[in-house]
C-alpha atoms as a PDB file:
ATOM      1  CA  MET A   1      15.283   8.742  51.863  1.00  0.00           C
ATOM      2  CA  LYS A   2      12.799   7.409  49.300  1.00  0.00           C
ATOM      3  CA  LEU A   3      13.295  10.602  47.328  1.00  0.00           C
ATOM      4  CA  ALA A   4      17.019   9.962  46.506  1.00  0.00           C
ATOM      5  CA  PRO A   5      16.279   7.090  44.425  1.00  0.00           C
ATOM      6  CA  LEU A   6      13.813   8.913  42.442  1.00  0.00           C
ATOM      7  CA  LEU A   7      16.040  11.878  41.850  1.00  0.00           C
ATOM      8  CA  ALA A   8      18.875   9.451  40.769  1.00  0.00           C
ATOM      9  CA  LEU A   9      16.611   7.841  38.344  1.00  0.00           C
ATOM     10  CA  ALA A  10      15.315  11.145  37.038  1.00  0.00           C
ATOM     11  CA  PHE A  11      18.940  12.334  36.863  1.00  0.00           C
ATOM     12  CA  LEU A  12      19.842   9.251  34.796  1.00  0.00           C
ATOM     13  CA  ALA A  13      16.933   9.594  32.543  1.00  0.00           C
ATOM     14  CA  LEU A  14      17.710  13.290  31.780  1.00  0.00           C
ATOM     15  CA  SER A  15      21.424  12.560  31.161  1.00  0.00           C
ATOM     16  CA  THR A  16      20.992   9.768  28.648  1.00  0.00           C
ATOM     17  CA  SER A  17      21.499  11.240  25.203  1.00  0.00           C
ATOM     18  CA  CYS A  18      19.844  10.602  22.053  1.00  0.00           C
ATOM     19  CA  ALA A  19      21.390  10.437  18.628  1.00  0.00           C
ATOM     20  CA  SER A  20      20.762  13.554  16.624  1.00  0.00           C
ATOM     21  CA  THR A  21      19.096  12.872  13.290  1.00  0.00           C
ATOM     22  CA  VAL A  22      19.608  15.189  10.442  1.00  0.00           C
ATOM     23  CA  VAL A  23      16.865  14.900   7.733  1.00  0.00           C
ATOM     24  CA  ALA A  24      17.965  15.747   4.126  1.00  0.00           C
ATOM     25  CA  VAL A  25      16.591  19.102   2.773  1.00  0.00           C
ATOM     26  CA  GLN A  26      14.701  17.054  -0.118  1.00  0.00           C
ATOM     27  CA  ASP A  27      12.903  14.959   2.568  1.00  0.00           C
ATOM     28  CA  ARG A  28      11.779  17.782   4.764  1.00  0.00           C
ATOM     29  CA  ALA A  29       8.886  19.077   2.596  1.00  0.00           C
ATOM     30  CA  VAL A  30       5.352  17.733   2.728  1.00  0.00           C
ATOM     31  CA  ARG A  31       4.705  15.610  -0.368  1.00  0.00           C
ATOM     32  CA  ASP A  32       1.203  15.747  -2.096  1.00  0.00           C
ATOM     33  CA  GLU A  33       0.823  12.237  -3.413  1.00  0.00           C
ATOM     34  CA  LEU A  34      -1.700  13.697  -6.142  1.00  0.00           C
ATOM     35  CA  GLU A  35       1.069  15.866  -7.588  1.00  0.00           C
ATOM     36  CA  THR A  36       3.480  12.992  -7.919  1.00  0.00           C
ATOM     37  CA  LEU A  37       1.285  10.786  -9.908  1.00  0.00           C
ATOM     38  CA  GLU A  38       1.805  10.302 -13.581  1.00  0.00           C
ATOM     39  CA  TRP A  39      -1.311  11.613 -15.274  1.00  0.00           C
ATOM     40  CA  ARG A  40      -2.461  10.484 -18.749  1.00  0.00           C
ATOM     41  CA  PRO A  41      -5.315  11.169 -20.923  1.00  0.00           C
ATOM     42  CA  ALA A  42      -8.385   9.158 -19.977  1.00  0.00           C
ATOM     43  CA  LEU A  43      -9.739   6.582 -22.438  1.00  0.00           C
ATOM     44  CA  ALA A  44     -13.517   5.765 -22.345  1.00  0.00           C
ATOM     45  CA  ALA A  45     -12.886   2.468 -20.473  1.00  0.00           C
ATOM     46  CA  ASP A  46     -11.041   4.396 -17.618  1.00  0.00           C
ATOM     47  CA  LEU A  47     -14.260   6.543 -16.678  1.00  0.00           C
ATOM     48  CA  VAL A  48     -16.813   3.611 -16.237  1.00  0.00           C
ATOM     49  CA  GLY A  49     -17.612   3.346 -12.551  1.00  0.00           C
ATOM     50  CA  HIS A  50     -18.282   4.963  -9.383  1.00  0.00           C
ATOM     51  CA  TRP A  51     -16.194   8.298  -8.574  1.00  0.00           C
ATOM     52  CA  ARG A  52     -15.973  10.210  -5.412  1.00  0.00           C
ATOM     53  CA  VAL A  53     -14.142  13.753  -5.053  1.00  0.00           C
ATOM     54  CA  LYS A  54     -10.943  13.693  -3.512  1.00  0.00           C
ATOM     55  CA  ARG A  55      -9.874  17.380  -4.158  1.00  0.00           C
ATOM     56  CA  ILE A  56     -11.595  20.482  -5.698  1.00  0.00           C
ATOM     57  CA  GLY A  57      -9.461  23.273  -6.915  1.00  0.00           C
ATOM     58  CA  GLY A  58      -9.896  26.561  -8.596  1.00  0.00           C
ATOM     59  CA  PRO A  59     -12.879  28.639  -8.659  1.00  0.00           C
ATOM     60  CA  ALA A  60     -15.055  25.737  -8.349  1.00  0.00           C
ATOM     61  CA  ALA A  61     -13.639  25.148  -4.855  1.00  0.00           C
ATOM     62  CA  ALA A  62     -15.614  28.341  -3.634  1.00  0.00           C
ATOM     63  CA  VAL A  63     -18.995  26.896  -4.496  1.00  0.00           C
ATOM     64  CA  LEU A  64     -18.621  22.956  -4.526  1.00  0.00           C
ATOM     65  CA  LEU A  65     -18.207  21.042  -1.350  1.00  0.00           C
ATOM     66  CA  ASP A  66     -18.872  17.386  -2.693  1.00  0.00           C
ATOM     67  CA  VAL A  67     -19.202  15.612  -5.857  1.00  0.00           C
ATOM     68  CA  SER A  68     -20.003  11.987  -6.826  1.00  0.00           C
ATOM     69  CA  TYR A  69     -20.525  10.354 -10.194  1.00  0.00           C
ATOM     70  CA  TRP A  70     -21.525   7.230 -11.648  1.00  0.00           C
ATOM     71  CA  MET A  71     -20.528   6.728 -15.524  1.00  0.00           C
ATOM     72  CA  ASP A  72     -21.630   3.705 -17.337  1.00  0.00           C
ATOM     73  CA  ASP A  73     -20.152   2.219 -20.475  1.00  0.00           C
ATOM     74  CA  SER A  74     -23.189   3.143 -22.509  1.00  0.00           C
ATOM     75  CA  GLY A  75     -22.377   6.767 -22.394  1.00  0.00           C
ATOM     76  CA  ARG A  76     -24.871   7.843 -19.440  1.00  0.00           C
ATOM     77  CA  PHE A  77     -23.837   9.525 -16.190  1.00  0.00           C
ATOM     78  CA  SER A  78     -25.567  10.257 -12.851  1.00  0.00           C
ATOM     79  CA  GLY A  79     -24.301  12.065 -10.007  1.00  0.00           C
ATOM     80  CA  ALA A  80     -24.763  14.765  -7.264  1.00  0.00           C
ATOM     81  CA  ALA A  81     -22.940  18.003  -6.355  1.00  0.00           C
ATOM     82  CA  LEU A  82     -23.222  19.571  -2.856  1.00  0.00           C
ATOM     83  CA  PHE A  83     -23.180  23.304  -3.324  1.00  0.00           C
ATOM     84  CA  ALA A  84     -22.200  25.631  -0.716  1.00  0.00           C
ATOM     85  CA  GLY A  85     -25.353  27.450   0.781  1.00  0.00           C
ATOM     86  CA  PRO A  86     -26.485  28.869   2.669  1.00  0.00           C
ATOM     87  CA  PRO A  87     -27.835  26.284   3.250  1.00  0.00           C
ATOM     88  CA  PRO A  88     -25.722  23.763   1.285  1.00  0.00           C
ATOM     89  CA  THR A  89     -27.836  21.700  -1.154  1.00  0.00           C
ATOM     90  CA  TYR A  90     -27.283  18.682  -3.447  1.00  0.00           C
ATOM     91  CA  GLU A  91     -28.220  18.987  -7.056  1.00  0.00           C
ATOM     92  CA  VAL A  92     -28.649  15.882  -8.856  1.00  0.00           C
ATOM     93  CA  LEU A  93     -26.591  15.726 -12.161  1.00  0.00           C
ATOM     94  CA  SER A  94     -27.500  13.154 -15.149  1.00  0.00           C
ATOM     95  CA  GLY A  95     -27.159  13.007 -18.844  1.00  0.00           C
ATOM     96  CA  GLU A  96     -24.777  11.781 -21.494  1.00  0.00           C
ATOM     97  CA  TRP A  97     -20.877  11.747 -21.535  1.00  0.00           C
ATOM     98  CA  SER A  98     -18.524  11.333 -24.406  1.00  0.00           C
ATOM     99  CA  LEU A  99     -14.889  11.338 -24.571  1.00  0.00           C
ATOM    100  CA  ALA A 100     -12.808  12.597 -27.480  1.00  0.00           C
ATOM    101  CA  GLU A 101      -9.315  11.473 -28.563  1.00  0.00           C
ATOM    102  CA  GLY A 102      -6.722  13.158 -26.282  1.00  0.00           C
ATOM    103  CA  GLY A 103      -9.086  13.017 -23.188  1.00  0.00           C
ATOM    104  CA  THR A 104     -11.425  15.767 -23.969  1.00  0.00           C
ATOM    105  CA  LEU A 105     -14.752  15.117 -21.896  1.00  0.00           C
ATOM    106  CA  GLN A 106     -18.090  16.287 -22.605  1.00  0.00           C
ATOM    107  CA  LEU A 107     -20.353  15.810 -19.266  1.00  0.00           C
ATOM    108  CA  GLY A 108     -23.693  16.589 -20.488  1.00  0.00           C
ATOM    109  CA  ALA A 109     -25.017  18.952 -23.346  1.00  0.00           C
ATOM    110  CA  ASP A 110     -24.784  22.081 -21.530  1.00  0.00           C
ATOM    111  CA  ALA A 111     -21.410  21.623 -20.031  1.00  0.00           C
ATOM    112  CA  GLU A 112     -18.086  22.974 -21.398  1.00  0.00           C
ATOM    113  CA  PRO A 113     -15.639  20.496 -22.417  1.00  0.00           C
ATOM    114  CA  ALA A 114     -13.060  19.376 -19.870  1.00  0.00           C
ATOM    115  CA  VAL A 115      -9.833  17.525 -19.824  1.00  0.00           C
ATOM    116  CA  ALA A 116      -9.886  14.065 -18.399  1.00  0.00           C
ATOM    117  CA  GLU A 117      -6.812  12.529 -17.161  1.00  0.00           C
ATOM    118  CA  VAL A 118      -6.217   9.170 -15.172  1.00  0.00           C
ATOM    119  CA  ALA A 119      -3.503   7.838 -12.789  1.00  0.00           C
ATOM    120  CA  GLY A 120      -4.159   4.694 -11.023  1.00  0.00           C
ATOM    121  CA  ALA A 121      -7.428   4.983  -9.172  1.00  0.00           C
ATOM    122  CA  TYR A 122      -7.750   8.636  -9.694  1.00  0.00           C
ATOM    123  CA  LEU A 123      -9.458  10.759 -12.414  1.00  0.00           C
ATOM    124  CA  ARG A 124      -8.716  14.428 -12.759  1.00  0.00           C
ATOM    125  CA  ILE A 125     -11.189  16.723 -14.576  1.00  0.00           C
ATOM    126  CA  ARG A 126      -9.789  20.169 -15.588  1.00  0.00           C
ATOM    127  CA  GLY A 127     -11.996  22.819 -16.999  1.00  0.00           C
ATOM    128  CA  THR A 128     -12.201  26.655 -17.168  1.00  0.00           C
ATOM    129  CA  GLU A 129     -13.933  26.575 -13.607  1.00  0.00           C
ATOM    130  CA  GLY A 130     -11.266  24.482 -11.770  1.00  0.00           C
ATOM    131  CA  ALA A 131     -10.265  20.930 -11.345  1.00  0.00           C
ATOM    132  CA  LEU A 132     -11.826  18.076  -9.690  1.00  0.00           C
ATOM    133  CA  VAL A 133      -9.609  14.873  -8.602  1.00  0.00           C
ATOM    134  CA  LEU A 134     -11.863  11.876  -7.893  1.00  0.00           C
ATOM    135  CA  GLU A 135     -11.181   8.621  -6.544  1.00  0.00           C
ATOM    136  CA  ARG A 136     -12.508   5.403  -7.786  1.00  0.00           C
ATOM    137  CA  ALA A 137     -15.027   4.329  -5.156  1.00  0.00           C
ATOM    138  CA  LYS A 138     -14.952   0.861  -3.643  1.00  0.00           C
ATOM    139  CA  ILE A 139     -18.110  -0.773  -3.065  1.00  0.00           C
ATOM    140  CA  GLU A 140     -17.864  -3.847  -0.790  1.00  0.00           C
END
């Protein structure tokens, strides 16, 4: 006899219907927040501060696991890059940076020029070896 109320409750739960929801085609895809940003050429003042990698793309992604930079307003930078191993190892990066009109960034005397762009709290550096998207680090 105690089974009858449970069966009735189960039947009631299974027989209730939920409204069907149709999602529009344009709302079904996963959106990449970084691809929707409006990037502009960086200015020197945009680069000052601490940056941590958010995304590594292109051929650089095969050898880089992590990147962090500190850039100051006097044109000096310091950073570290974690290169894939085995074993993975950090290399210290340091030197002087300069930024030409139009966002052409020179990070050190031996580095190839790259394009630096900003969008909000993000810095994108694109060169022949790939692209880095860095996020301004918050130090609290």
